[in-house]
């Protein structure tokens, strides 16, 4: 499960993938994991509402992934709306940064090409068997 936090502050929408550290801090602070909150929010018999947990998790994710240092109380006074959305299940090695890690180019691949020519340019040879010292 990958989640994205979104917050509307003024005319700016702030988004952040919810990192694992945010989910762990949230669970420690609320005594329940995100899955518990989602399940109880969807249960018509439950009195849990998304307003009970989504703003706090959104704040935690935004604080953990940006330079925002406001407390939850300060942040919630200035934000008009905040919510948690499902994100795509793709791994993001950038950690949610704006510039993701580029894919390696085929030329820099460390996978040997069995059919291709050797990349070695050495033209010297040794008469000493491997593992023995040369006496020359």
C-alpha atoms as a PDB file:
ATOM      1  CA  UNK A   1       0.000   0.000   0.000  1.00  0.00           C
ATOM      2  CA  UNK A   2       1.472   3.328  -1.064  1.00  0.00           C
ATOM      3  CA  UNK A   3      -0.117   6.548   0.050  1.00  0.00           C
ATOM      4  CA  UNK A   4       0.100  10.166  -1.045  1.00  0.00           C
ATOM      5  CA  UNK A   5      -0.576  13.115   1.240  1.00  0.00           C
ATOM      6  CA  UNK A   6      -2.194  16.212  -0.228  1.00  0.00           C
ATOM      7  CA  UNK A   7      -2.775  19.534   1.468  1.00  0.00           C
ATOM      8  CA  UNK A   8      -4.329  22.754   0.185  1.00  0.00           C
ATOM      9  CA  UNK A   9      -2.762  25.903   1.588  1.00  0.00           C
ATOM     10  CA  UNK A  10      -3.911  29.122  -0.049  1.00  0.00           C
ATOM     11  CA  UNK A  11      -3.858  28.438  -3.769  1.00  0.00           C
ATOM     12  CA  UNK A  12      -1.049  25.858  -3.530  1.00  0.00           C
ATOM     13  CA  UNK A  13      -1.542  22.103  -3.365  1.00  0.00           C
ATOM     14  CA  UNK A  14       1.303  20.313  -1.608  1.00  0.00           C
ATOM     15  CA  UNK A  15       1.758  16.610  -2.315  1.00  0.00           C
ATOM     16  CA  UNK A  16       4.133  14.064  -0.835  1.00  0.00           C
ATOM     17  CA  UNK A  17       4.441  10.306  -0.966  1.00  0.00           C
ATOM     18  CA  UNK A  18       4.012   9.019   2.573  1.00  0.00           C
ATOM     19  CA  UNK A  19       7.378   7.531   3.547  1.00  0.00           C
ATOM     20  CA  UNK A  20       7.719   4.576   5.876  1.00  0.00           C
ATOM     21  CA  UNK A  21       9.163   6.788   8.628  1.00  0.00           C
ATOM     22  CA  UNK A  22       5.966   8.871   8.588  1.00  0.00           C
ATOM     23  CA  UNK A  23       3.776   5.779   8.874  1.00  0.00           C
ATOM     24  CA  UNK A  24       5.840   4.491  11.799  1.00  0.00           C
ATOM     25  CA  UNK A  25       5.745   7.852  13.624  1.00  0.00           C
ATOM     26  CA  UNK A  26       1.994   8.067  12.984  1.00  0.00           C
ATOM     27  CA  UNK A  27       1.444   4.582  14.427  1.00  0.00           C
ATOM     28  CA  UNK A  28       3.537   5.434  17.496  1.00  0.00           C
ATOM     29  CA  UNK A  29       1.608   8.692  18.059  1.00  0.00           C
ATOM     30  CA  UNK A  30      -1.885   7.293  17.495  1.00  0.00           C
ATOM     31  CA  UNK A  31      -1.377   3.734  18.837  1.00  0.00           C
ATOM     32  CA  UNK A  32      -2.832   2.332  15.575  1.00  0.00           C
ATOM     33  CA  UNK A  33      -1.422   1.647  12.138  1.00  0.00           C
ATOM     34  CA  UNK A  34      -2.789   3.338   9.034  1.00  0.00           C
ATOM     35  CA  UNK A  35      -4.600   0.131   8.025  1.00  0.00           C
ATOM     36  CA  UNK A  36      -6.630   0.264  11.271  1.00  0.00           C
ATOM     37  CA  UNK A  37      -7.662   3.864  10.594  1.00  0.00           C
ATOM     38  CA  UNK A  38      -8.636   3.131   6.989  1.00  0.00           C
ATOM     39  CA  UNK A  39     -10.619   0.023   7.945  1.00  0.00           C
ATOM     40  CA  UNK A  40     -12.498   1.842  10.725  1.00  0.00           C
ATOM     41  CA  UNK A  41     -13.172   4.888   8.547  1.00  0.00           C
ATOM     42  CA  UNK A  42     -14.875   2.630   5.982  1.00  0.00           C
ATOM     43  CA  UNK A  43     -16.879   0.688   8.578  1.00  0.00           C
ATOM     44  CA  UNK A  44     -20.398   2.177   8.766  1.00  0.00           C
ATOM     45  CA  UNK A  45     -20.713   0.917  12.371  1.00  0.00           C
ATOM     46  CA  UNK A  46     -17.565   2.798  13.439  1.00  0.00           C
ATOM     47  CA  UNK A  47     -17.527   6.334  14.744  1.00  0.00           C
ATOM     48  CA  UNK A  48     -14.069   6.949  13.259  1.00  0.00           C
ATOM     49  CA  UNK A  49     -14.031   9.665  10.598  1.00  0.00           C
ATOM     50  CA  UNK A  50     -11.249  10.463   8.130  1.00  0.00           C
ATOM     51  CA  UNK A  51     -10.871  13.867   9.834  1.00  0.00           C
ATOM     52  CA  UNK A  52      -9.634  11.904  12.865  1.00  0.00           C
ATOM     53  CA  UNK A  53      -6.448  10.754  11.144  1.00  0.00           C
ATOM     54  CA  UNK A  54      -5.877  12.005   7.561  1.00  0.00           C
ATOM     55  CA  UNK A  55      -4.736  15.541   8.449  1.00  0.00           C
ATOM     56  CA  UNK A  56      -2.223  14.234  11.001  1.00  0.00           C
ATOM     57  CA  UNK A  57      -0.719  11.694   8.584  1.00  0.00           C
ATOM     58  CA  UNK A  58      -0.638  14.300   5.793  1.00  0.00           C
ATOM     59  CA  UNK A  59       1.184  16.728   8.103  1.00  0.00           C
ATOM     60  CA  UNK A  60       3.647  14.030   9.196  1.00  0.00           C
ATOM     61  CA  UNK A  61       4.436  13.085   5.583  1.00  0.00           C
ATOM     62  CA  UNK A  62       4.862  16.712   4.494  1.00  0.00           C
ATOM     63  CA  UNK A  63       7.114  17.530   7.468  1.00  0.00           C
ATOM     64  CA  UNK A  64       9.182  14.393   6.781  1.00  0.00           C
ATOM     65  CA  UNK A  65       9.642  15.146   3.059  1.00  0.00           C
ATOM     66  CA  UNK A  66       9.900  18.954   2.914  1.00  0.00           C
ATOM     67  CA  UNK A  67      11.553  21.756   4.851  1.00  0.00           C
ATOM     68  CA  UNK A  68       8.277  22.560   6.666  1.00  0.00           C
ATOM     69  CA  UNK A  69       8.977  22.740  10.411  1.00  0.00           C
ATOM     70  CA  UNK A  70       5.578  23.861  11.718  1.00  0.00           C
ATOM     71  CA  UNK A  71       3.921  21.936  14.516  1.00  0.00           C
ATOM     72  CA  UNK A  72       0.722  20.089  13.686  1.00  0.00           C
ATOM     73  CA  UNK A  73      -1.282  22.779  15.471  1.00  0.00           C
ATOM     74  CA  UNK A  74       0.331  25.632  13.487  1.00  0.00           C
ATOM     75  CA  UNK A  75       0.060  23.719  10.218  1.00  0.00           C
ATOM     76  CA  UNK A  76      -3.612  22.801  10.709  1.00  0.00           C
ATOM     77  CA  UNK A  77      -4.467  26.456  11.426  1.00  0.00           C
ATOM     78  CA  UNK A  78      -3.023  27.495   8.044  1.00  0.00           C
ATOM     79  CA  UNK A  79      -4.093  24.598   5.806  1.00  0.00           C
ATOM     80  CA  UNK A  80      -7.593  24.648   4.343  1.00  0.00           C
ATOM     81  CA  UNK A  81      -7.783  20.927   3.611  1.00  0.00           C
ATOM     82  CA  UNK A  82      -5.665  17.770   3.854  1.00  0.00           C
ATOM     83  CA  UNK A  83      -6.211  14.181   2.811  1.00  0.00           C
ATOM     84  CA  UNK A  84      -4.604  10.848   2.059  1.00  0.00           C
ATOM     85  CA  UNK A  85      -4.931   9.168  -1.328  1.00  0.00           C
ATOM     86  CA  UNK A  86      -3.820   5.843  -2.769  1.00  0.00           C
ATOM     87  CA  UNK A  87      -0.635   6.174  -4.813  1.00  0.00           C
ATOM     88  CA  UNK A  88       0.609   3.907  -7.571  1.00  0.00           C
ATOM     89  CA  UNK A  89       2.381   0.779  -6.369  1.00  0.00           C
ATOM     90  CA  UNK A  90       5.629   1.557  -8.193  1.00  0.00           C
ATOM     91  CA  UNK A  91       8.821   1.675  -6.181  1.00  0.00           C
ATOM     92  CA  UNK A  92      10.291   5.148  -6.004  1.00  0.00           C
ATOM     93  CA  UNK A  93      14.009   4.946  -5.231  1.00  0.00           C
ATOM     94  CA  UNK A  94      14.202   8.731  -5.085  1.00  0.00           C
ATOM     95  CA  UNK A  95      12.423   8.700  -1.737  1.00  0.00           C
ATOM     96  CA  UNK A  96       9.735  11.039  -3.069  1.00  0.00           C
ATOM     97  CA  UNK A  97      12.149  13.683  -4.301  1.00  0.00           C
ATOM     98  CA  UNK A  98      11.236  15.710  -7.359  1.00  0.00           C
ATOM     99  CA  UNK A  99      14.101  14.338  -9.465  1.00  0.00           C
ATOM    100  CA  UNK A 100      13.936  10.544  -9.494  1.00  0.00           C
ATOM    101  CA  UNK A 101      17.040   8.432  -9.879  1.00  0.00           C
ATOM    102  CA  UNK A 102      17.603   7.903 -13.614  1.00  0.00           C
ATOM    103  CA  UNK A 103      17.620   4.419 -15.093  1.00  0.00           C
ATOM    104  CA  UNK A 104      21.122   3.135 -15.824  1.00  0.00           C
ATOM    105  CA  UNK A 105      22.134   3.376 -19.456  1.00  0.00           C
ATOM    106  CA  UNK A 106      22.831   0.139 -21.340  1.00  0.00           C
ATOM    107  CA  UNK A 107      26.438   1.274 -21.871  1.00  0.00           C
ATOM    108  CA  UNK A 108      27.022   1.398 -18.122  1.00  0.00           C
ATOM    109  CA  UNK A 109      25.411  -1.930 -17.406  1.00  0.00           C
ATOM    110  CA  UNK A 110      27.458  -4.327 -15.310  1.00  0.00           C
ATOM    111  CA  UNK A 111      25.801  -7.306 -16.966  1.00  0.00           C
ATOM    112  CA  UNK A 112      28.395  -9.087 -19.088  1.00  0.00           C
ATOM    113  CA  UNK A 113      27.602  -9.515 -22.768  1.00  0.00           C
ATOM    114  CA  UNK A 114      28.611 -13.107 -23.536  1.00  0.00           C
ATOM    115  CA  UNK A 115      28.381 -12.546 -27.295  1.00  0.00           C
ATOM    116  CA  UNK A 116      30.239  -9.242 -27.392  1.00  0.00           C
ATOM    117  CA  UNK A 117      33.954  -8.547 -27.560  1.00  0.00           C
ATOM    118  CA  UNK A 118      36.069  -8.382 -24.427  1.00  0.00           C
ATOM    119  CA  UNK A 119      36.391  -4.937 -22.911  1.00  0.00           C
ATOM    120  CA  UNK A 120      39.968  -5.707 -21.841  1.00  0.00           C
ATOM    121  CA  UNK A 121      42.669  -3.780 -23.685  1.00  0.00           C
ATOM    122  CA  UNK A 122      45.640  -5.453 -22.034  1.00  0.00           C
ATOM    123  CA  UNK A 123      48.116  -6.998 -24.490  1.00  0.00           C
ATOM    124  CA  UNK A 124      50.646  -8.269 -21.925  1.00  0.00           C
ATOM    125  CA  UNK A 125      50.833 -11.835 -20.769  1.00  0.00           C
ATOM    126  CA  UNK A 126      52.398 -13.466 -17.742  1.00  0.00           C
ATOM    127  CA  UNK A 127      54.391 -16.678 -17.510  1.00  0.00           C
ATOM    128  CA  UNK A 128      53.743 -16.836 -13.757  1.00  0.00           C
ATOM    129  CA  UNK A 129      50.770 -19.026 -12.775  1.00  0.00           C
ATOM    130  CA  UNK A 130      48.068 -17.314 -10.777  1.00  0.00           C
ATOM    131  CA  UNK A 131      48.744 -17.237  -7.047  1.00  0.00           C
ATOM    132  CA  UNK A 132      52.544 -17.601  -7.352  1.00  0.00           C
ATOM    133  CA  UNK A 133      55.124 -14.853  -6.898  1.00  0.00           C
ATOM    134  CA  UNK A 134      57.325 -13.952  -9.807  1.00  0.00           C
ATOM    135  CA  UNK A 135      61.064 -14.281  -9.173  1.00  0.00           C
ATOM    136  CA  UNK A 136      62.029 -11.965 -12.011  1.00  0.00           C
END
